[in-house]
């Protein structure tokens, strides 16, 4: 099992993968949102999760409409991979998103 990411270390590696399958739910959304906020426009990361993150997608659609793409790369029973690409800059700074400070 790999160590849990912290708020101070890089969240994604050179492969652009953010594997949150072993991350506790209490900090998972905060890590994902922080990763998205830190992406440059045109950048992407691949989210690996133990289930299809449908509630997270709804959260993205509500908070960041028109700023991202969401592409499923695979959907397996215990392993889902989603490529999230930032299409344009966000209208809010990261500090204004309360979920980005969780954990």
N, C-alpha and C. Protein backbone atom coordinates (compact mmCIF):
# COMPACT_ATOMS: atom_id res chain seq x y z
N UNK A 1 0.85 -1.17 0.00
CA UNK A 1 0.00 0.00 0.00
C UNK A 1 0.89 1.23 0.00
N UNK A 2 0.57 2.21 -0.87
CA UNK A 2 1.38 3.41 -0.92
C UNK A 2 0.97 4.40 0.15
N UNK A 3 1.90 5.29 0.55
CA UNK A 3 1.57 6.26 1.59
C UNK A 3 0.52 7.25 1.11
N UNK A 4 -0.24 7.78 2.06
CA UNK A 4 -1.27 8.76 1.74
C UNK A 4 -0.62 10.07 1.32
N UNK A 5 -1.16 10.73 0.29
CA UNK A 5 -0.64 12.04 -0.06
C UNK A 5 -1.02 13.05 1.02
N UNK A 6 -0.23 14.07 1.15
CA UNK A 6 -0.53 15.14 2.09
C UNK A 6 -0.77 16.42 1.31
N UNK A 7 -1.23 17.45 1.99
CA UNK A 7 -1.49 18.72 1.32
C UNK A 7 -0.21 19.41 0.87
N UNK A 8 0.96 19.00 1.37
CA UNK A 8 2.19 19.70 1.04
C UNK A 8 3.01 19.01 -0.04
N UNK A 9 2.75 17.77 -0.34
CA UNK A 9 3.53 17.09 -1.37
C UNK A 9 2.76 17.08 -2.69
N UNK A 10 3.46 16.91 -3.81
CA UNK A 10 2.77 16.89 -5.10
C UNK A 10 1.72 15.79 -5.12
N UNK A 11 0.59 16.09 -5.70
CA UNK A 11 -0.51 15.14 -5.71
C UNK A 11 -0.47 14.19 -6.89
N UNK A 12 0.09 14.65 -8.01
CA UNK A 12 0.17 13.79 -9.17
C UNK A 12 1.62 13.66 -9.61
N UNK A 13 1.94 12.51 -10.16
CA UNK A 13 3.30 12.26 -10.61
C UNK A 13 3.45 12.58 -12.09
N UNK A 14 4.59 12.21 -12.65
CA UNK A 14 4.85 12.50 -14.06
C UNK A 14 3.87 11.80 -15.01
N UNK A 15 3.19 10.77 -14.52
CA UNK A 15 2.21 10.07 -15.35
C UNK A 15 0.83 10.73 -15.30
N UNK A 16 0.72 11.85 -14.58
CA UNK A 16 -0.54 12.60 -14.42
C UNK A 16 -1.63 11.79 -13.72
N UNK A 17 -1.23 10.78 -12.93
CA UNK A 17 -2.19 9.91 -12.25
C UNK A 17 -2.38 10.37 -10.81
N UNK A 18 -3.63 10.49 -10.40
CA UNK A 18 -3.99 10.73 -9.01
C UNK A 18 -4.82 9.53 -8.57
N UNK A 19 -4.18 8.61 -7.86
CA UNK A 19 -4.84 7.38 -7.43
C UNK A 19 -5.36 7.59 -6.01
N UNK A 20 -6.67 7.70 -5.87
CA UNK A 20 -7.27 7.95 -4.56
C UNK A 20 -8.00 6.72 -4.01
N UNK A 21 -7.72 5.57 -4.58
CA UNK A 21 -8.42 4.36 -4.12
C UNK A 21 -8.14 4.04 -2.66
N UNK A 22 -6.98 4.41 -2.15
CA UNK A 22 -6.63 4.13 -0.75
C UNK A 22 -6.73 5.37 0.15
N UNK A 23 -7.19 6.48 -0.39
CA UNK A 23 -7.28 7.73 0.37
C UNK A 23 -8.60 7.75 1.14
N UNK A 24 -8.56 8.11 2.43
CA UNK A 24 -9.80 8.18 3.21
C UNK A 24 -10.79 9.17 2.61
N UNK A 25 -12.06 8.83 2.66
CA UNK A 25 -13.11 9.68 2.11
C UNK A 25 -13.08 11.09 2.70
N UNK A 26 -12.65 11.22 3.93
CA UNK A 26 -12.66 12.52 4.60
C UNK A 26 -11.76 13.55 3.92
N UNK A 27 -10.76 13.10 3.15
CA UNK A 27 -9.87 14.05 2.47
C UNK A 27 -9.87 13.89 0.95
N UNK A 28 -10.57 12.88 0.46
CA UNK A 28 -10.50 12.55 -0.98
C UNK A 28 -10.94 13.70 -1.88
N UNK A 29 -12.13 14.26 -1.65
CA UNK A 29 -12.61 15.33 -2.53
C UNK A 29 -11.71 16.55 -2.46
N UNK A 30 -11.21 16.88 -1.27
CA UNK A 30 -10.31 18.02 -1.13
C UNK A 30 -9.04 17.85 -1.96
N UNK A 31 -8.48 16.64 -1.95
CA UNK A 31 -7.27 16.38 -2.75
C UNK A 31 -7.56 16.48 -4.25
N UNK A 32 -8.70 15.97 -4.66
CA UNK A 32 -9.05 16.01 -6.08
C UNK A 32 -9.27 17.46 -6.53
N UNK A 33 -10.00 18.23 -5.73
CA UNK A 33 -10.25 19.63 -6.09
C UNK A 33 -8.97 20.45 -6.08
N UNK A 34 -8.11 20.19 -5.12
CA UNK A 34 -6.82 20.89 -5.07
C UNK A 34 -6.01 20.59 -6.33
N UNK A 35 -6.01 19.34 -6.74
CA UNK A 35 -5.31 18.94 -7.96
C UNK A 35 -5.88 19.68 -9.17
N UNK A 36 -7.20 19.77 -9.26
CA UNK A 36 -7.84 20.46 -10.38
C UNK A 36 -7.48 21.95 -10.37
N UNK A 37 -7.56 22.60 -9.20
CA UNK A 37 -7.23 24.02 -9.11
C UNK A 37 -5.80 24.30 -9.55
N UNK A 38 -4.88 23.39 -9.24
CA UNK A 38 -3.46 23.61 -9.55
C UNK A 38 -3.11 23.30 -11.00
N UNK A 39 -4.02 22.70 -11.76
CA UNK A 39 -3.75 22.40 -13.16
C UNK A 39 -3.64 23.69 -13.97
N UNK A 40 -2.71 23.73 -14.91
CA UNK A 40 -2.73 24.84 -15.85
C UNK A 40 -3.85 24.63 -16.86
N UNK A 41 -4.31 25.69 -17.49
CA UNK A 41 -5.31 25.55 -18.55
C UNK A 41 -4.73 24.65 -19.64
N UNK A 42 -5.49 23.68 -20.06
CA UNK A 42 -5.05 22.69 -21.04
C UNK A 42 -4.43 21.46 -20.40
N UNK A 43 -4.15 21.53 -19.11
CA UNK A 43 -3.57 20.39 -18.40
C UNK A 43 -4.64 19.38 -18.00
N UNK A 44 -4.19 18.19 -17.66
CA UNK A 44 -5.12 17.14 -17.24
C UNK A 44 -4.48 16.25 -16.18
N UNK A 45 -5.32 15.49 -15.52
CA UNK A 45 -4.85 14.40 -14.67
C UNK A 45 -5.83 13.25 -14.82
N UNK A 46 -5.35 12.06 -14.47
CA UNK A 46 -6.18 10.87 -14.54
C UNK A 46 -6.51 10.46 -13.11
N UNK A 47 -7.78 10.52 -12.79
CA UNK A 47 -8.27 10.16 -11.46
C UNK A 47 -8.56 8.67 -11.43
N UNK A 48 -7.93 7.97 -10.50
CA UNK A 48 -8.21 6.54 -10.28
C UNK A 48 -8.96 6.43 -8.96
N UNK A 49 -10.10 5.77 -9.00
CA UNK A 49 -10.95 5.65 -7.84
C UNK A 49 -11.52 4.24 -7.77
N UNK A 50 -12.01 3.84 -6.62
CA UNK A 50 -12.56 2.51 -6.43
C UNK A 50 -13.99 2.37 -6.89
N UNK A 51 -14.61 3.47 -7.32
CA UNK A 51 -15.97 3.45 -7.85
C UNK A 51 -16.13 4.65 -8.78
N UNK A 52 -17.19 4.66 -9.56
CA UNK A 52 -17.44 5.78 -10.46
C UNK A 52 -17.78 7.02 -9.61
N UNK A 53 -17.00 8.09 -9.70
CA UNK A 53 -17.21 9.26 -8.83
C UNK A 53 -18.32 10.18 -9.33
N UNK A 54 -19.53 9.66 -9.44
CA UNK A 54 -20.65 10.43 -9.96
C UNK A 54 -20.94 11.67 -9.13
N UNK A 55 -20.99 11.59 -7.78
CA UNK A 55 -21.24 12.81 -7.01
C UNK A 55 -20.16 13.88 -7.24
N UNK A 56 -18.92 13.46 -7.42
CA UNK A 56 -17.85 14.41 -7.69
C UNK A 56 -18.08 15.10 -9.03
N UNK A 57 -18.51 14.35 -10.02
CA UNK A 57 -18.79 14.96 -11.33
C UNK A 57 -19.90 16.01 -11.20
N UNK A 58 -20.95 15.69 -10.45
CA UNK A 58 -22.03 16.66 -10.24
C UNK A 58 -21.48 17.91 -9.55
N UNK A 59 -20.57 17.72 -8.61
CA UNK A 59 -19.96 18.86 -7.91
C UNK A 59 -19.16 19.71 -8.90
N UNK A 60 -18.39 19.08 -9.77
CA UNK A 60 -17.63 19.80 -10.80
C UNK A 60 -18.59 20.58 -11.71
N UNK A 61 -19.67 19.93 -12.16
CA UNK A 61 -20.62 20.58 -13.06
C UNK A 61 -21.28 21.78 -12.41
N UNK A 62 -21.56 21.70 -11.12
CA UNK A 62 -22.21 22.81 -10.42
C UNK A 62 -21.24 23.96 -10.16
N UNK A 63 -20.02 23.65 -9.75
CA UNK A 63 -19.06 24.69 -9.36
C UNK A 63 -18.23 25.23 -10.52
N UNK A 64 -17.95 24.41 -11.53
CA UNK A 64 -17.02 24.79 -12.60
C UNK A 64 -17.61 24.55 -13.99
N UNK A 65 -18.83 24.99 -14.27
CA UNK A 65 -19.44 24.68 -15.57
C UNK A 65 -18.61 25.24 -16.73
N UNK A 66 -18.44 24.40 -17.74
CA UNK A 66 -17.74 24.82 -18.95
C UNK A 66 -16.23 24.95 -18.83
N UNK A 67 -15.65 24.52 -17.70
CA UNK A 67 -14.21 24.68 -17.52
C UNK A 67 -13.44 23.37 -17.59
N UNK A 68 -14.12 22.25 -17.83
CA UNK A 68 -13.44 20.95 -17.77
C UNK A 68 -14.08 19.95 -18.73
N UNK A 69 -13.31 18.90 -19.04
CA UNK A 69 -13.89 17.72 -19.68
C UNK A 69 -13.70 16.55 -18.72
N UNK A 70 -14.56 15.57 -18.84
CA UNK A 70 -14.59 14.40 -17.95
C UNK A 70 -14.72 13.17 -18.83
N UNK A 71 -13.64 12.42 -18.99
CA UNK A 71 -13.64 11.29 -19.92
C UNK A 71 -13.29 10.00 -19.18
N UNK A 72 -14.22 9.06 -19.18
CA UNK A 72 -13.94 7.76 -18.57
C UNK A 72 -12.97 6.99 -19.46
N UNK A 73 -11.86 6.55 -18.88
CA UNK A 73 -10.89 5.73 -19.60
C UNK A 73 -11.20 4.25 -19.42
N UNK A 74 -11.64 3.88 -18.21
CA UNK A 74 -12.17 2.54 -17.98
C UNK A 74 -13.05 2.55 -16.74
N UNK A 75 -13.97 1.58 -16.71
CA UNK A 75 -14.89 1.39 -15.57
C UNK A 75 -14.90 -0.08 -15.25
N UNK A 76 -14.18 -0.44 -14.19
CA UNK A 76 -14.17 -1.82 -13.70
C UNK A 76 -14.84 -1.83 -12.34
N UNK A 77 -15.21 -2.99 -11.82
CA UNK A 77 -15.93 -3.03 -10.55
C UNK A 77 -15.25 -2.27 -9.41
N UNK A 78 -13.94 -2.39 -9.25
CA UNK A 78 -13.24 -1.72 -8.15
C UNK A 78 -12.18 -0.75 -8.64
N UNK A 79 -12.25 -0.35 -9.90
CA UNK A 79 -11.22 0.53 -10.46
C UNK A 79 -11.81 1.33 -11.62
N UNK A 80 -11.92 2.63 -11.41
CA UNK A 80 -12.43 3.53 -12.43
C UNK A 80 -11.36 4.57 -12.71
N UNK A 81 -11.12 4.86 -13.98
CA UNK A 81 -10.15 5.89 -14.35
C UNK A 81 -10.87 6.96 -15.17
N UNK A 82 -10.72 8.21 -14.75
CA UNK A 82 -11.35 9.34 -15.42
C UNK A 82 -10.28 10.38 -15.74
N UNK A 83 -10.24 10.81 -16.99
CA UNK A 83 -9.32 11.87 -17.39
C UNK A 83 -10.07 13.20 -17.26
N UNK A 84 -9.54 14.09 -16.40
CA UNK A 84 -10.15 15.40 -16.17
C UNK A 84 -9.20 16.44 -16.74
N UNK A 85 -9.69 17.23 -17.69
CA UNK A 85 -8.89 18.26 -18.36
C UNK A 85 -9.47 19.63 -18.05
N UNK A 86 -8.60 20.58 -17.71
CA UNK A 86 -9.03 21.95 -17.45
C UNK A 86 -9.04 22.71 -18.78
N UNK A 87 -10.20 23.21 -19.18
CA UNK A 87 -10.36 23.89 -20.45
C UNK A 87 -10.09 25.39 -20.36
N UNK A 88 -10.41 25.99 -19.22
CA UNK A 88 -10.18 27.43 -19.07
C UNK A 88 -10.00 27.77 -17.60
N UNK A 89 -9.49 28.97 -17.37
CA UNK A 89 -9.22 29.42 -15.99
C UNK A 89 -10.53 29.50 -15.20
N UNK A 90 -10.41 29.29 -13.91
CA UNK A 90 -11.57 29.36 -13.03
C UNK A 90 -11.84 30.80 -12.63
N UNK A 91 -13.10 31.09 -12.34
CA UNK A 91 -13.48 32.44 -11.95
C UNK A 91 -13.25 32.71 -10.47
N UNK A 92 -12.77 31.72 -9.73
CA UNK A 92 -12.56 31.89 -8.30
C UNK A 92 -11.18 31.41 -7.90
N UNK A 93 -10.58 32.03 -6.89
CA UNK A 93 -9.30 31.53 -6.39
C UNK A 93 -9.53 30.27 -5.56
N UNK A 94 -8.50 29.44 -5.43
CA UNK A 94 -8.61 28.19 -4.67
C UNK A 94 -9.07 28.43 -3.24
N UNK A 95 -8.67 29.56 -2.65
CA UNK A 95 -9.03 29.84 -1.26
C UNK A 95 -10.53 29.99 -1.06
N UNK A 96 -11.26 30.30 -2.13
CA UNK A 96 -12.70 30.50 -1.99
C UNK A 96 -13.48 29.19 -2.04
N UNK A 97 -12.81 28.09 -2.29
CA UNK A 97 -13.49 26.79 -2.34
C UNK A 97 -13.24 26.07 -1.02
N UNK A 98 -14.24 25.96 -0.16
CA UNK A 98 -14.01 25.35 1.16
C UNK A 98 -13.57 23.90 1.09
N UNK A 99 -13.96 23.16 0.06
CA UNK A 99 -13.59 21.75 -0.04
C UNK A 99 -12.10 21.56 -0.31
N UNK A 100 -11.42 22.59 -0.81
CA UNK A 100 -10.01 22.46 -1.14
C UNK A 100 -9.12 22.49 0.10
N UNK A 101 -9.68 22.83 1.21
CA UNK A 101 -8.89 22.92 2.45
C UNK A 101 -9.16 21.76 3.37
N UNK A 102 -9.98 20.80 2.94
CA UNK A 102 -10.27 19.65 3.80
C UNK A 102 -9.02 18.78 3.92
N UNK A 103 -8.94 18.09 5.04
CA UNK A 103 -7.86 17.13 5.21
C UNK A 103 -6.90 17.63 6.12
